[in-house]
Amino acid sequence: MDDSAIGALDKIESKFEQSSIKVTYVGLNRESEKLKDKIGGLSKASGH
């Protein structure tokens, strides 16, 4: 998984959260989870 995939997941997650739907990721490997935590947190902080 790369940073563009993380960005896509963040967009999807944001749309669900707007409807108060909790998002849970299943099946990500450890490296993908780390990348999601690192990059996903940055894109939420910047409002993207």
N, C-alpha and C. Protein backbone atom coordinates (compact mmCIF):
# COMPACT_ATOMS: atom_id res chain seq x y z
N MET A 1 0.85 -1.16 0.00
CA MET A 1 0.00 0.00 0.00
C MET A 1 0.90 1.23 0.00
N ASP A 2 0.55 2.23 -0.81
CA ASP A 2 1.35 3.45 -0.87
C ASP A 2 0.54 4.65 -0.39
N ASP A 3 1.16 5.82 -0.43
CA ASP A 3 0.50 6.99 0.12
C ASP A 3 -0.76 7.39 -0.65
N SER A 4 -0.83 7.10 -1.94
CA SER A 4 -2.05 7.42 -2.69
C SER A 4 -3.21 6.52 -2.26
N ALA A 5 -2.91 5.27 -1.94
CA ALA A 5 -3.94 4.36 -1.44
C ALA A 5 -4.43 4.82 -0.07
N ILE A 6 -3.50 5.29 0.76
CA ILE A 6 -3.87 5.80 2.07
C ILE A 6 -4.78 7.01 1.91
N GLY A 7 -4.45 7.88 0.98
CA GLY A 7 -5.29 9.05 0.71
C GLY A 7 -6.70 8.65 0.29
N ALA A 8 -6.80 7.62 -0.54
CA ALA A 8 -8.12 7.14 -0.97
C ALA A 8 -8.91 6.59 0.22
N LEU A 9 -8.24 5.82 1.07
CA LEU A 9 -8.91 5.30 2.27
C LEU A 9 -9.38 6.43 3.17
N ASP A 10 -8.57 7.46 3.31
CA ASP A 10 -8.95 8.59 4.16
C ASP A 10 -10.18 9.32 3.61
N LYS A 11 -10.26 9.45 2.29
CA LYS A 11 -11.44 10.10 1.69
C LYS A 11 -12.70 9.28 1.96
N ILE A 12 -12.59 7.98 1.79
CA ILE A 12 -13.73 7.10 2.05
C ILE A 12 -14.13 7.17 3.51
N GLU A 13 -13.13 7.11 4.39
CA GLU A 13 -13.39 7.17 5.83
C GLU A 13 -14.08 8.48 6.20
N SER A 14 -13.65 9.59 5.63
CA SER A 14 -14.25 10.88 5.93
C SER A 14 -15.72 10.93 5.53
N LYS A 15 -16.03 10.36 4.37
CA LYS A 15 -17.44 10.35 3.93
C LYS A 15 -18.31 9.54 4.88
N PHE A 16 -17.82 8.41 5.35
CA PHE A 16 -18.58 7.61 6.29
C PHE A 16 -18.73 8.35 7.62
N GLU A 17 -17.65 8.98 8.08
CA GLU A 17 -17.70 9.68 9.37
C GLU A 17 -18.67 10.85 9.34
N GLN A 18 -18.86 11.46 8.19
CA GLN A 18 -19.84 12.54 8.06
C GLN A 18 -21.25 12.04 8.35
N SER A 19 -21.47 10.76 8.15
CA SER A 19 -22.77 10.13 8.43
C SER A 19 -22.74 9.39 9.76
N SER A 20 -21.74 9.67 10.58
CA SER A 20 -21.58 9.04 11.90
C SER A 20 -21.43 7.52 11.82
N ILE A 21 -20.80 7.06 10.77
CA ILE A 21 -20.54 5.63 10.60
C ILE A 21 -19.08 5.36 10.94
N LYS A 22 -18.85 4.48 11.91
CA LYS A 22 -17.49 4.14 12.32
C LYS A 22 -16.84 3.22 11.28
N VAL A 23 -15.60 3.50 10.97
CA VAL A 23 -14.85 2.72 9.98
C VAL A 23 -13.81 1.86 10.70
N THR A 24 -13.77 0.59 10.36
CA THR A 24 -12.78 -0.33 10.89
C THR A 24 -12.08 -1.01 9.72
N TYR A 25 -10.77 -1.00 9.74
CA TYR A 25 -10.00 -1.64 8.69
C TYR A 25 -9.65 -3.06 9.11
N VAL A 26 -9.88 -4.01 8.22
CA VAL A 26 -9.59 -5.41 8.48
C VAL A 26 -8.68 -5.92 7.38
N GLY A 27 -7.63 -6.62 7.77
CA GLY A 27 -6.77 -7.26 6.79
C GLY A 27 -5.55 -6.47 6.36
N LEU A 28 -5.31 -5.30 6.98
CA LEU A 28 -4.10 -4.57 6.64
C LEU A 28 -2.90 -5.24 7.31
N ASN A 29 -1.81 -5.36 6.57
CA ASN A 29 -0.61 -5.90 7.21
C ASN A 29 0.02 -4.82 8.09
N ARG A 30 1.00 -5.21 8.87
CA ARG A 30 1.60 -4.30 9.86
C ARG A 30 2.17 -3.04 9.21
N GLU A 31 2.85 -3.20 8.08
CA GLU A 31 3.44 -2.04 7.41
C GLU A 31 2.36 -1.08 6.90
N SER A 32 1.27 -1.64 6.38
CA SER A 32 0.18 -0.79 5.91
C SER A 32 -0.49 -0.06 7.07
N GLU A 33 -0.63 -0.73 8.19
CA GLU A 33 -1.20 -0.09 9.38
C GLU A 33 -0.33 1.08 9.83
N LYS A 34 0.98 0.87 9.84
CA LYS A 34 1.90 1.94 10.24
C LYS A 34 1.79 3.13 9.28
N LEU A 35 1.75 2.84 7.98
CA LEU A 35 1.64 3.90 6.99
C LEU A 35 0.31 4.63 7.13
N LYS A 36 -0.76 3.89 7.37
CA LYS A 36 -2.08 4.51 7.57
C LYS A 36 -2.07 5.43 8.77
N ASP A 37 -1.46 4.98 9.86
CA ASP A 37 -1.38 5.81 11.07
C ASP A 37 -0.56 7.07 10.81
N LYS A 38 0.55 6.91 10.10
CA LYS A 38 1.44 8.04 9.85
C LYS A 38 0.84 9.04 8.87
N ILE A 39 0.46 8.56 7.71
CA ILE A 39 -0.03 9.45 6.66
C ILE A 39 -1.49 9.83 6.90
N GLY A 40 -2.28 8.89 7.36
CA GLY A 40 -3.69 9.18 7.61
C GLY A 40 -3.86 10.27 8.64
N GLY A 41 -3.06 10.26 9.67
CA GLY A 41 -3.12 11.31 10.68
C GLY A 41 -2.74 12.66 10.12
N LEU A 42 -1.78 12.68 9.21
CA LEU A 42 -1.35 13.93 8.60
C LEU A 42 -2.43 14.50 7.70
N SER A 43 -3.08 13.66 6.91
CA SER A 43 -4.09 14.18 5.99
C SER A 43 -5.33 14.65 6.74
N LYS A 44 -5.66 14.01 7.87
CA LYS A 44 -6.80 14.50 8.67
C LYS A 44 -6.45 15.83 9.31
N ALA A 45 -5.23 15.99 9.75
CA ALA A 45 -4.82 17.24 10.40
C ALA A 45 -4.83 18.40 9.41
N SER A 46 -4.54 18.12 8.14
CA SER A 46 -4.52 19.17 7.14
C SER A 46 -5.88 19.41 6.50
N GLY A 47 -6.85 18.57 6.86
CA GLY A 47 -8.20 18.74 6.34
C GLY A 47 -8.44 18.10 5.00
N HIS A 48 -7.57 17.21 4.55
CA HIS A 48 -7.75 16.54 3.24
C HIS A 48 -8.40 15.20 3.44
